[in-house]
N, C-alpha and C. Protein backbone atom coordinates (compact mmCIF):
# COMPACT_ATOMS: atom_id res chain seq x y z
N GLN A 1 -191.94 80.48 172.82
CA GLN A 1 -191.85 81.29 171.66
C GLN A 1 -190.77 82.32 171.82
N VAL A 2 -190.01 82.46 170.82
CA VAL A 2 -188.82 83.44 170.79
C VAL A 2 -189.00 84.39 169.65
N GLN A 3 -188.87 85.65 169.85
CA GLN A 3 -188.93 86.64 168.78
C GLN A 3 -187.62 87.29 168.76
N LEU A 4 -187.07 87.44 167.46
CA LEU A 4 -185.61 87.99 167.37
C LEU A 4 -185.72 89.22 166.47
N MET A 5 -184.98 90.26 166.79
CA MET A 5 -185.06 91.43 165.95
C MET A 5 -183.53 91.96 165.82
N GLU A 6 -183.09 91.97 164.59
CA GLU A 6 -181.74 92.43 164.34
C GLU A 6 -181.67 93.93 164.06
N SER A 7 -180.52 94.58 164.41
CA SER A 7 -180.24 95.87 164.01
C SER A 7 -178.75 96.19 163.84
N GLY A 8 -178.46 97.23 163.24
CA GLY A 8 -177.02 97.62 163.16
C GLY A 8 -176.48 97.40 161.81
N GLY A 9 -177.18 96.94 160.80
CA GLY A 9 -176.71 96.78 159.43
C GLY A 9 -176.47 98.09 158.82
N GLY A 10 -175.88 98.11 157.66
CA GLY A 10 -175.70 99.35 156.92
C GLY A 10 -174.64 99.23 155.82
N LEU A 11 -174.18 100.31 155.31
CA LEU A 11 -173.20 100.46 154.32
C LEU A 11 -171.87 100.87 154.89
N VAL A 12 -170.83 100.15 154.51
CA VAL A 12 -169.52 100.47 155.14
C VAL A 12 -168.45 100.15 154.08
N GLN A 13 -167.34 100.90 154.12
CA GLN A 13 -166.29 100.58 153.12
C GLN A 13 -165.48 99.47 153.50
N ALA A 14 -164.93 98.86 152.62
CA ALA A 14 -163.95 97.72 152.84
C ALA A 14 -162.94 98.12 153.88
N GLY A 15 -162.65 97.19 154.85
CA GLY A 15 -161.75 97.49 155.92
C GLY A 15 -162.42 98.03 157.15
N GLY A 16 -163.65 98.45 157.03
CA GLY A 16 -164.42 99.08 158.11
C GLY A 16 -165.01 98.02 159.04
N SER A 17 -165.75 98.56 160.01
CA SER A 17 -166.37 97.67 160.99
C SER A 17 -167.81 97.98 161.27
N LEU A 18 -168.62 97.02 161.69
CA LEU A 18 -170.05 97.17 162.05
C LEU A 18 -170.34 96.24 163.23
N ARG A 19 -171.21 96.61 164.06
CA ARG A 19 -171.68 95.75 165.11
C ARG A 19 -173.11 95.44 164.97
N LEU A 20 -173.54 94.26 164.78
CA LEU A 20 -174.84 93.85 164.62
C LEU A 20 -175.43 93.52 166.03
N SER A 21 -176.61 93.79 166.28
CA SER A 21 -177.29 93.32 167.53
C SER A 21 -178.58 92.57 167.21
N CYS A 22 -178.91 91.73 168.05
CA CYS A 22 -180.12 90.91 167.90
C CYS A 22 -180.80 90.82 169.24
N ALA A 23 -181.95 91.41 169.44
CA ALA A 23 -182.66 91.46 170.75
C ALA A 23 -183.76 90.46 170.68
N ALA A 24 -183.78 89.62 171.81
CA ALA A 24 -184.75 88.48 171.85
C ALA A 24 -185.85 88.81 172.83
N SER A 25 -187.06 88.47 172.50
CA SER A 25 -188.20 88.52 173.51
C SER A 25 -188.54 87.09 173.90
N GLY A 26 -189.15 87.04 174.96
CA GLY A 26 -189.60 85.67 175.45
C GLY A 26 -188.76 85.33 176.63
N SER A 27 -189.07 84.18 177.25
CA SER A 27 -188.35 83.78 178.48
C SER A 27 -187.20 82.83 178.10
N ASN A 28 -186.37 82.62 179.16
CA ASN A 28 -185.31 81.62 179.06
C ASN A 28 -184.18 82.03 178.08
N PHE A 29 -183.89 83.31 177.92
CA PHE A 29 -182.88 83.63 176.99
C PHE A 29 -181.52 83.05 177.36
N GLY A 30 -181.18 82.86 178.53
CA GLY A 30 -179.96 82.32 178.94
C GLY A 30 -179.88 80.75 178.83
N ARG A 31 -180.84 80.22 178.37
CA ARG A 31 -181.00 78.71 178.26
C ARG A 31 -180.87 78.08 176.81
N TYR A 32 -180.55 78.91 175.88
CA TYR A 32 -180.34 78.33 174.56
C TYR A 32 -179.23 79.06 173.83
N THR A 33 -178.86 78.33 172.76
CA THR A 33 -177.72 78.91 171.93
C THR A 33 -178.32 79.85 170.84
N LEU A 34 -177.38 80.71 170.40
CA LEU A 34 -177.71 81.68 169.34
C LEU A 34 -176.68 81.71 168.22
N ALA A 35 -177.09 82.11 167.12
CA ALA A 35 -176.15 82.09 165.98
C ALA A 35 -176.55 83.26 165.03
N TRP A 36 -175.55 83.53 164.20
CA TRP A 36 -175.70 84.50 162.99
C TRP A 36 -175.44 83.66 161.82
N PHE A 37 -176.36 83.93 160.86
CA PHE A 37 -176.21 83.36 159.46
C PHE A 37 -176.30 84.50 158.52
N ARG A 38 -175.89 84.24 157.25
CA ARG A 38 -176.01 85.32 156.28
C ARG A 38 -176.39 84.74 154.94
N GLN A 39 -176.98 85.52 154.13
CA GLN A 39 -177.34 85.15 152.76
C GLN A 39 -177.07 86.20 151.80
N ALA A 40 -176.10 85.90 150.91
CA ALA A 40 -175.76 86.84 149.85
C ALA A 40 -176.69 86.69 148.62
N PRO A 41 -176.80 87.69 147.78
CA PRO A 41 -177.72 87.52 146.67
C PRO A 41 -177.29 86.34 145.77
N GLY A 42 -178.27 85.54 145.45
CA GLY A 42 -178.04 84.40 144.57
C GLY A 42 -177.29 83.20 145.19
N LYS A 43 -177.10 83.27 146.52
CA LYS A 43 -176.44 82.21 147.25
C LYS A 43 -177.31 81.63 148.33
N GLU A 44 -176.88 80.46 148.85
CA GLU A 44 -177.63 79.85 149.92
C GLU A 44 -177.17 80.54 151.23
N ARG A 45 -178.14 80.48 152.18
CA ARG A 45 -177.73 80.93 153.54
C ARG A 45 -176.64 80.19 154.11
N GLU A 46 -175.73 80.84 154.82
CA GLU A 46 -174.55 80.21 155.32
C GLU A 46 -174.32 80.53 156.89
N PHE A 47 -173.74 79.64 157.57
CA PHE A 47 -173.39 79.83 159.00
C PHE A 47 -172.21 80.90 159.13
N VAL A 48 -172.36 81.76 160.05
CA VAL A 48 -171.27 82.76 160.35
C VAL A 48 -170.69 82.49 161.71
N ALA A 49 -171.53 82.43 162.74
CA ALA A 49 -170.93 82.31 164.05
C ALA A 49 -172.02 81.88 164.99
N ALA A 50 -171.64 81.20 166.09
CA ALA A 50 -172.63 80.79 167.13
C ALA A 50 -172.05 80.90 168.52
N VAL A 51 -172.81 80.94 169.54
CA VAL A 51 -172.44 81.05 170.84
C VAL A 51 -173.34 80.20 171.81
N ASN A 52 -172.75 79.55 172.78
CA ASN A 52 -173.57 78.70 173.65
C ASN A 52 -174.26 79.54 174.62
N PHE A 53 -174.94 78.92 175.57
CA PHE A 53 -175.88 79.53 176.43
C PHE A 53 -175.25 80.70 177.38
N ASN A 54 -174.04 80.47 177.85
CA ASN A 54 -173.43 81.53 178.71
C ASN A 54 -172.29 82.27 178.08
N GLY A 55 -172.07 82.01 176.83
CA GLY A 55 -170.95 82.76 176.14
C GLY A 55 -169.67 82.17 176.18
N ASP A 56 -169.48 80.95 176.83
CA ASP A 56 -168.18 80.50 177.08
C ASP A 56 -167.64 79.73 175.75
N LEU A 57 -168.55 79.30 174.91
CA LEU A 57 -168.08 78.56 173.71
C LEU A 57 -168.61 79.38 172.48
N THR A 58 -167.69 79.68 171.57
CA THR A 58 -168.08 80.31 170.33
C THR A 58 -167.47 79.54 169.16
N TYR A 59 -168.24 79.69 168.01
CA TYR A 59 -167.87 78.92 166.82
C TYR A 59 -167.91 79.88 165.77
N TYR A 60 -167.04 79.68 164.70
CA TYR A 60 -167.02 80.65 163.55
C TYR A 60 -166.74 79.84 162.33
N ALA A 61 -167.39 80.48 161.17
CA ALA A 61 -166.99 79.95 159.88
C ALA A 61 -165.55 80.34 159.57
N GLU A 62 -164.90 79.58 158.77
CA GLU A 62 -163.51 79.73 158.57
C GLU A 62 -163.19 81.18 157.95
N ASP A 63 -164.10 81.63 157.09
CA ASP A 63 -163.78 82.86 156.38
C ASP A 63 -164.02 84.13 157.20
N VAL A 64 -164.51 83.94 158.50
CA VAL A 64 -164.70 85.17 159.34
C VAL A 64 -163.88 84.98 160.61
N LYS A 65 -163.20 83.87 160.83
CA LYS A 65 -162.34 83.80 161.96
C LYS A 65 -161.25 84.85 161.96
N GLY A 66 -161.11 85.43 163.12
CA GLY A 66 -160.14 86.49 163.37
C GLY A 66 -160.63 87.85 162.93
N ARG A 67 -161.77 87.95 162.25
CA ARG A 67 -162.42 89.21 161.92
C ARG A 67 -163.71 89.54 162.66
N PHE A 68 -164.45 88.44 162.88
CA PHE A 68 -165.75 88.66 163.51
C PHE A 68 -165.70 88.05 164.91
N SER A 69 -166.55 88.67 165.81
CA SER A 69 -166.63 88.09 167.14
C SER A 69 -168.13 88.14 167.60
N ILE A 70 -168.55 87.01 168.06
CA ILE A 70 -169.98 86.83 168.61
C ILE A 70 -169.89 86.89 170.10
N SER A 71 -170.82 87.60 170.75
CA SER A 71 -171.00 87.60 172.12
C SER A 71 -172.46 87.81 172.47
N ARG A 72 -172.72 87.64 173.79
CA ARG A 72 -174.18 87.77 174.20
C ARG A 72 -174.15 88.41 175.62
N ASP A 73 -175.24 89.03 175.86
CA ASP A 73 -175.43 89.70 177.13
C ASP A 73 -176.79 89.15 177.65
N ASN A 74 -176.82 88.26 178.53
CA ASN A 74 -177.96 87.67 178.98
C ASN A 74 -178.82 88.47 179.94
N THR A 75 -178.16 89.62 180.44
CA THR A 75 -178.94 90.61 181.22
C THR A 75 -179.78 91.49 180.29
N LYS A 76 -179.38 91.49 179.01
CA LYS A 76 -180.17 92.40 178.05
C LYS A 76 -180.82 91.61 176.98
N ASN A 77 -180.75 90.30 177.11
CA ASN A 77 -181.44 89.43 176.04
C ASN A 77 -180.99 89.78 174.66
N THR A 78 -179.67 89.97 174.53
CA THR A 78 -179.19 90.37 173.27
C THR A 78 -177.88 89.63 172.94
N VAL A 79 -177.83 89.33 171.54
CA VAL A 79 -176.57 88.72 171.09
C VAL A 79 -175.98 89.76 170.11
N TYR A 80 -174.69 89.76 169.94
CA TYR A 80 -173.95 90.68 169.14
C TYR A 80 -173.07 90.05 168.15
N LEU A 81 -172.78 90.72 167.10
CA LEU A 81 -171.78 90.24 166.11
C LEU A 81 -170.93 91.47 165.71
N GLN A 82 -169.69 91.44 166.28
CA GLN A 82 -168.80 92.46 165.89
C GLN A 82 -167.96 92.13 164.63
N MET A 83 -168.14 92.94 163.65
CA MET A 83 -167.43 92.61 162.36
C MET A 83 -166.37 93.63 162.08
N ASN A 84 -165.18 93.16 161.98
CA ASN A 84 -164.01 94.07 161.67
C ASN A 84 -163.40 93.64 160.32
N SER A 85 -162.60 94.47 159.71
CA SER A 85 -161.88 94.19 158.51
C SER A 85 -162.82 93.71 157.46
N LEU A 86 -163.92 94.32 157.28
CA LEU A 86 -164.97 93.81 156.41
C LEU A 86 -164.50 93.89 154.91
N LYS A 87 -165.10 92.88 154.19
CA LYS A 87 -164.72 92.75 152.83
C LYS A 87 -165.94 92.84 151.88
N PRO A 88 -165.84 93.22 150.68
CA PRO A 88 -167.02 93.15 149.81
C PRO A 88 -167.76 91.86 149.78
N GLU A 89 -167.04 90.73 149.94
CA GLU A 89 -167.68 89.45 150.03
C GLU A 89 -168.48 89.14 151.21
N ASP A 90 -168.41 90.08 152.20
CA ASP A 90 -169.22 89.92 153.41
C ASP A 90 -170.64 90.48 153.18
N THR A 91 -170.83 91.15 152.08
CA THR A 91 -172.09 91.74 151.78
C THR A 91 -173.23 90.65 151.70
N ALA A 92 -174.20 90.91 152.58
CA ALA A 92 -175.32 89.83 152.65
C ALA A 92 -176.36 90.33 153.65
N VAL A 93 -177.42 89.67 153.64
CA VAL A 93 -178.45 89.84 154.77
C VAL A 93 -178.08 88.95 155.89
N TYR A 94 -177.91 89.60 157.04
CA TYR A 94 -177.46 88.81 158.24
C TYR A 94 -178.73 88.58 159.14
N SER A 95 -178.81 87.27 159.56
CA SER A 95 -179.97 86.95 160.45
C SER A 95 -179.47 86.25 161.69
N CYS A 96 -180.12 86.61 162.73
CA CYS A 96 -179.76 85.78 163.97
C CYS A 96 -180.83 84.68 164.16
N ALA A 97 -180.45 83.69 164.82
CA ALA A 97 -181.26 82.45 165.09
C ALA A 97 -181.04 81.92 166.47
N ALA A 98 -182.11 81.25 166.94
CA ALA A 98 -182.12 80.66 168.31
C ALA A 98 -182.39 79.17 168.17
N ASP A 99 -181.52 78.44 168.89
CA ASP A 99 -181.73 76.98 169.02
C ASP A 99 -182.14 76.61 170.42
N VAL A 100 -183.39 76.41 170.63
CA VAL A 100 -183.81 76.14 171.99
C VAL A 100 -183.63 74.73 172.45
N ASN A 101 -183.08 73.91 171.65
CA ASN A 101 -182.84 72.54 172.04
C ASN A 101 -181.40 72.21 172.37
N HIS A 102 -180.55 73.16 172.29
CA HIS A 102 -179.20 73.05 172.68
C HIS A 102 -178.80 74.32 173.53
N TYR A 103 -178.00 73.98 174.56
CA TYR A 103 -177.48 75.19 175.30
C TYR A 103 -176.06 75.10 175.70
N ILE A 104 -175.64 73.91 176.07
CA ILE A 104 -174.17 73.71 176.49
C ILE A 104 -173.22 73.99 175.29
N VAL A 105 -173.57 73.33 174.13
CA VAL A 105 -172.77 73.57 172.89
C VAL A 105 -173.66 74.10 171.91
N ALA A 106 -173.12 74.87 170.95
CA ALA A 106 -173.85 75.43 169.86
C ALA A 106 -173.63 74.56 168.57
N THR A 107 -174.59 74.59 167.70
CA THR A 107 -174.50 73.89 166.44
C THR A 107 -174.39 74.83 165.34
N THR A 108 -173.74 74.43 164.21
CA THR A 108 -173.59 75.29 163.03
C THR A 108 -174.55 74.94 161.95
N SER A 109 -175.46 74.03 162.19
CA SER A 109 -176.40 73.55 161.22
C SER A 109 -177.69 74.46 161.20
N GLU A 110 -177.99 74.95 160.13
CA GLU A 110 -179.15 75.82 159.98
C GLU A 110 -180.35 75.06 160.48
N SER A 111 -180.41 73.77 160.14
CA SER A 111 -181.72 73.02 160.39
C SER A 111 -181.94 72.87 161.96
N ASP A 112 -180.92 73.12 162.74
CA ASP A 112 -181.07 72.99 164.23
C ASP A 112 -181.69 74.25 164.81
N TYR A 113 -181.88 75.24 164.06
CA TYR A 113 -182.34 76.54 164.65
C TYR A 113 -183.74 76.75 164.40
N ASP A 114 -184.46 77.01 165.54
CA ASP A 114 -185.92 76.98 165.59
C ASP A 114 -186.54 78.36 165.27
N TYR A 115 -185.94 79.45 165.67
CA TYR A 115 -186.47 80.82 165.51
C TYR A 115 -185.51 81.67 164.78
N TRP A 116 -186.00 82.58 163.97
CA TRP A 116 -185.25 83.37 163.11
C TRP A 116 -185.66 84.80 163.12
N GLY A 117 -184.79 85.79 163.06
CA GLY A 117 -185.06 87.14 162.83
C GLY A 117 -185.32 87.48 161.38
N GLN A 118 -185.72 88.61 161.05
CA GLN A 118 -186.08 89.03 159.69
C GLN A 118 -184.70 89.35 158.93
N GLY A 119 -183.72 89.73 159.65
CA GLY A 119 -182.43 90.03 158.98
C GLY A 119 -182.16 91.45 158.81
N THR A 120 -180.88 91.80 158.70
CA THR A 120 -180.45 93.16 158.47
C THR A 120 -179.39 93.18 157.35
N GLN A 121 -179.51 94.19 156.41
CA GLN A 121 -178.59 94.21 155.40
C GLN A 121 -177.29 94.81 155.71
N VAL A 122 -176.23 94.05 155.35
CA VAL A 122 -174.86 94.61 155.42
C VAL A 122 -174.26 94.75 154.03
N THR A 123 -173.79 95.90 153.62
CA THR A 123 -173.30 96.14 152.34
C THR A 123 -171.86 96.72 152.52
N VAL A 124 -170.86 95.98 151.93
CA VAL A 124 -169.45 96.48 152.01
C VAL A 124 -169.02 96.89 150.61
N SER A 125 -168.68 98.14 150.52
CA SER A 125 -168.22 98.71 149.27
C SER A 125 -166.76 98.56 149.05
N SER A 126 -166.26 98.42 147.91
CA SER A 126 -164.80 98.22 147.63
C SER A 126 -164.26 99.62 147.45
């Protein structure tokens, strides 16, 4: 069983930065992949970024490449999403997710993720 809790969301102006954190409870944190997804009002949830078990491999959605960075600290059971050059279209509820069936590589498919946090709101004003 994995429990995930996000923090770090808020209101920021376009061009600004935020860092989201997701703390995990439970065992074997260093043995599964983690990802961030987001859901904007009226839209389906979409993949943002993922990281494999030790942080060596990262994956990004095209529209956040070069602006967002995912990382993890296995000593703190925490995954991060550093978001720079934020745009109004980045406004969404951001959720972290754990895929306990993959660890060497990470997947971008929502259906592969077993555990989800409740999400944190990110609002980017123009």
